[in-house]
Protein backbone atom coordinates (compact mmCIF):
# COMPACT_ATOMS: atom_id res chain seq x y z
CA MET A 1 -11.08 -13.03 6.15
CA SER A 2 -10.65 -10.33 3.17
CA LYS A 3 -7.78 -8.18 3.34
CA VAL A 4 -7.51 -4.44 3.70
CA ILE A 5 -4.66 -3.07 0.54
CA THR A 6 -4.02 0.12 -1.13
CA ALA A 7 -2.36 0.12 -4.45
CA HIS A 8 -1.79 3.82 -5.94
CA SER A 9 0.73 5.15 -8.63
CA VAL A 10 3.02 7.24 -6.82
CA SER A 11 6.27 9.43 -7.64
CA VAL A 12 9.38 8.30 -6.68
CA ASP A 13 8.98 11.91 -4.02
CA GLY A 14 5.75 10.45 -3.13
CA TYR A 15 3.12 12.02 -4.41
CA VAL A 16 -0.10 10.83 -5.98
CA THR A 17 -1.22 14.20 -7.49
CA GLY A 18 1.01 16.56 -8.85
CA ARG A 19 0.48 20.72 -7.78
CA ASP A 20 -3.39 22.32 -7.68
CA PRO A 21 -5.72 19.15 -7.61
CA ARG A 22 -9.20 20.22 -7.30
CA ALA A 23 -12.63 19.00 -8.81
CA GLY A 24 -12.44 18.69 -12.85
CA HIS A 25 -8.51 18.60 -12.26
CA GLY A 26 -8.20 16.29 -10.15
CA LEU A 27 -4.46 15.24 -10.38
CA GLY A 28 -3.12 18.93 -11.01
CA ASP A 29 -0.25 18.89 -13.18
CA GLY A 30 0.63 15.17 -12.08
CA GLY A 31 -1.42 13.53 -14.85
CA MET A 32 2.01 11.65 -16.10
CA LEU A 33 1.43 9.50 -12.68
CA PHE A 34 -1.37 7.11 -14.64
CA ASP A 35 0.15 7.01 -18.33
CA TRP A 36 1.46 3.60 -17.85
CA TYR A 37 -2.76 2.41 -17.63
CA PHE A 38 -2.36 3.31 -21.81
CA ASP A 39 1.15 3.25 -22.70
CA GLY A 40 1.21 -0.36 -23.39
CA ASP A 41 -0.35 -3.10 -25.82
CA THR A 42 -1.64 -5.65 -23.19
CA PRO A 43 -5.11 -4.87 -22.66
CA SER A 44 -6.69 -5.04 -19.05
CA GLN A 45 -9.27 -7.95 -18.35
CA VAL A 46 -10.78 -5.89 -15.40
CA PHE A 47 -10.69 -2.31 -16.53
CA ASP A 48 -11.81 -1.58 -19.92
CA GLY A 49 -10.01 0.61 -22.34
CA PHE A 50 -6.71 -0.13 -20.15
CA LYS A 51 -3.65 -1.15 -22.05
CA LEU A 52 -0.86 -1.77 -20.17
CA ALA A 53 2.67 -3.13 -20.58
CA GLU A 54 3.26 -6.85 -20.53
CA GLN A 55 4.75 -6.85 -16.97
CA SER A 56 2.25 -4.74 -15.52
CA VAL A 57 -1.12 -6.32 -16.58
CA ARG A 58 -0.43 -9.22 -14.43
CA ILE A 59 0.04 -7.40 -11.26
CA PHE A 60 -2.81 -4.59 -11.79
CA ASP A 61 -5.24 -7.59 -12.95
CA ALA A 62 -4.56 -9.60 -10.34
CA LEU A 63 -4.69 -6.78 -7.47
CA ALA A 64 -7.48 -5.70 -9.25
CA GLY A 65 -9.64 -9.15 -9.36
CA ARG A 66 -8.94 -9.20 -5.37
CA VAL A 67 -11.25 -6.01 -4.75
CA GLY A 68 -14.66 -6.04 -3.70
CA ALA A 69 -15.07 -2.70 -2.27
CA VAL A 70 -13.42 0.39 -2.58
CA VAL A 71 -12.94 3.21 0.46
CA ALA A 72 -12.21 6.29 -0.46
CA GLY A 73 -11.61 9.96 1.30
CA ARG A 74 -13.25 13.59 0.84
CA ASN A 75 -10.47 14.93 -0.86
CA THR A 76 -10.22 12.25 -3.44
CA TYR A 77 -13.85 12.14 -3.96
CA GLU A 78 -14.63 15.49 -4.70
CA ASP A 79 -11.40 15.96 -6.74
CA SER A 80 -13.00 12.58 -8.74
CA GLU A 81 -15.85 14.55 -8.81
CA HIS A 82 -17.91 11.82 -7.04
CA PHE A 83 -16.79 9.17 -9.44
CA ASN A 84 -19.89 10.32 -11.48
CA GLY A 85 -21.56 8.37 -8.99
CA GLY A 86 -20.37 5.00 -9.30
CA SER A 87 -17.22 3.84 -8.30
CA PRO A 88 -13.06 3.68 -9.34
CA HIS A 89 -13.38 0.18 -9.62
CA PRO A 90 -15.63 -0.99 -12.78
CA THR A 91 -17.04 -3.89 -10.15
CA ALA A 92 -16.31 -3.01 -6.39
CA PRO A 93 -18.95 -0.85 -5.03
CA LEU A 94 -17.39 2.64 -3.14
CA VAL A 95 -17.41 3.79 0.49
CA ILE A 96 -17.05 7.08 0.86
CA LEU A 97 -15.23 8.27 4.56
CA SER A 98 -16.19 12.02 5.54
CA HIS A 99 -16.58 14.14 8.76
CA SER A 100 -19.31 15.91 6.96
CA PRO A 101 -22.11 14.40 4.88
CA VAL A 102 -21.30 14.71 0.88
CA PRO A 103 -24.07 13.47 -1.41
CA VAL A 104 -23.92 9.85 -2.72
CA SER A 105 -25.94 7.90 -5.22
CA GLU A 106 -27.68 5.11 -4.46
CA ARG A 107 -24.35 2.95 -5.50
CA GLN A 108 -21.63 5.08 -3.12
CA THR A 109 -22.34 4.52 0.72
CA LEU A 110 -21.32 7.50 3.25
CA VAL A 111 -19.73 6.53 6.85
CA THR A 112 -18.77 9.83 8.69
CA THR A 113 -17.81 7.83 11.84
CA GLY A 114 -14.15 6.78 11.29
CA VAL A 115 -12.20 5.00 9.24
CA GLU A 116 -12.75 2.03 11.54
CA ASP A 117 -16.51 1.73 10.57
CA ALA A 118 -15.46 3.02 6.98
CA ILE A 119 -13.29 -0.69 6.41
CA ALA A 120 -16.30 -1.78 8.47
CA ALA A 121 -19.00 -1.24 5.84
CA ALA A 122 -16.29 -1.96 2.73
CA ARG A 123 -15.48 -5.66 3.99
CA GLU A 124 -19.82 -5.82 4.26
CA LEU A 125 -20.10 -4.84 0.81
CA ALA A 126 -16.88 -6.75 -0.17
CA GLY A 127 -18.76 -10.05 -0.28
CA GLY A 128 -15.56 -12.13 0.95
CA LYS A 129 -13.20 -10.04 -1.39
CA ASP A 130 -10.40 -7.46 -0.01
CA VAL A 131 -11.34 -3.78 0.22
CA SER A 132 -8.86 -1.32 -1.48
CA LEU A 133 -8.08 2.15 0.39
CA MET A 134 -7.53 5.35 -2.13
CA GLY A 135 -6.14 8.92 -0.74
CA GLY A 136 -3.40 9.45 1.84
CA GLY A 137 -5.78 10.18 4.82
CA VAL A 138 -7.66 6.76 4.67
CA LEU A 139 -4.78 5.35 4.05
CA THR A 140 -2.60 6.99 7.14
CA ALA A 141 -5.86 6.32 9.13
CA ALA A 142 -6.09 2.90 8.70
CA LEU A 143 -2.28 2.72 9.38
CA GLN A 144 -2.59 4.23 12.54
CA ALA A 145 -5.52 1.83 13.28
CA GLY A 146 -3.73 -1.29 12.35
CA LEU A 147 -5.86 -2.04 9.57
CA VAL A 148 -3.96 -2.08 6.80
CA ASP A 149 -2.59 -5.38 5.23
CA GLU A 150 -0.90 -4.32 1.77
CA VAL A 151 0.70 -1.50 0.24
CA VAL A 152 1.33 -1.60 -3.14
CA LEU A 153 2.88 1.71 -4.87
CA HIS A 154 3.15 1.81 -8.41
CA GLN A 155 6.54 3.87 -8.52
CA ILE A 156 6.38 6.26 -11.86
CA PRO A 157 10.07 7.47 -12.33
CA ILE A 158 9.51 11.13 -11.79
CA LEU A 159 10.01 13.74 -9.08
CA LEU A 160 6.66 16.12 -8.64
CA GLY A 161 8.08 18.23 -6.09
CA HIS A 162 4.68 19.15 -4.81
CA GLY A 163 1.31 17.66 -4.32
CA ARG A 164 -0.86 15.54 -2.41
CA PRO A 165 2.00 12.85 -0.46
CA PHE A 166 0.76 9.36 -0.55
CA PHE A 167 2.10 9.19 3.31
CA GLN A 168 0.89 11.85 5.37
CA SER A 169 2.57 11.94 9.11
CA LEU A 170 2.23 8.70 10.99
CA PRO A 171 2.89 8.50 15.17
CA GLU A 172 5.24 5.84 14.76
CA HIS A 173 7.04 3.82 12.41
CA VAL A 174 5.41 1.08 9.87
CA GLN A 175 7.36 -1.70 9.31
CA LEU A 176 6.88 -3.11 5.08
CA ARG A 177 7.92 -6.38 3.94
CA LEU A 178 8.97 -6.73 0.11
CA ILE A 179 7.08 -9.28 -1.52
CA GLU A 180 7.68 -8.33 -5.21
CA ALA A 181 9.50 -5.42 -7.11
CA ILE A 182 8.10 -5.93 -10.81
CA PRO A 183 9.90 -3.51 -13.31
CA ALA A 184 7.95 -2.01 -16.32
CA PRO A 185 8.13 0.25 -18.84
CA GLY A 186 7.15 3.76 -17.00
CA VAL A 187 6.87 2.52 -13.52
CA THR A 188 7.73 -0.22 -10.80
CA HIS A 189 5.69 -2.30 -9.14
CA LEU A 190 6.49 -2.53 -5.41
CA HIS A 191 4.21 -4.87 -3.43
CA TYR A 192 4.61 -4.86 0.19
CA GLU A 193 3.18 -6.47 3.31
CA VAL A 194 2.79 -4.63 6.66
CA GLN A 195 4.39 -5.78 9.51
């Protein structure tokens, strides 16, 4: 069965955006969280235009190659300007989780009935591949529902001090087991299994 994973660039203090994220300025002043996508010499085999450090491309492409569908929350969708009618992944369809209607393209699916239904819809679209989660709200809801199998933090060595936190308030502890830690230029890749 496919797994539910999340992989995101995050500051050491846990933010996935800087100050003032919004449409047209999606990461606020936190754009450096994704510099490692372009600061290397090794082209990604999954994402055109990405050139990563040799240490990073192995984990990045392995994870990206597993993804068959993406679930994103409303804030991520809006801040990313609806992904221009597509998806943040070059081949995986997008499922948007929102409590109210939002405009979607024919390449996107809207689910308004909760994270369980959004992940179920993504699993159908994924064709046996994994489902990737984007956004702190979606991740928190999926963790609360016990639906997340793996968490990957691409930790950037910066303290942003403000922005959108990746992990929101949870009603209980979530135990993680470290699978691997890979230091690379400008980023440390921390791959966990949810216990």
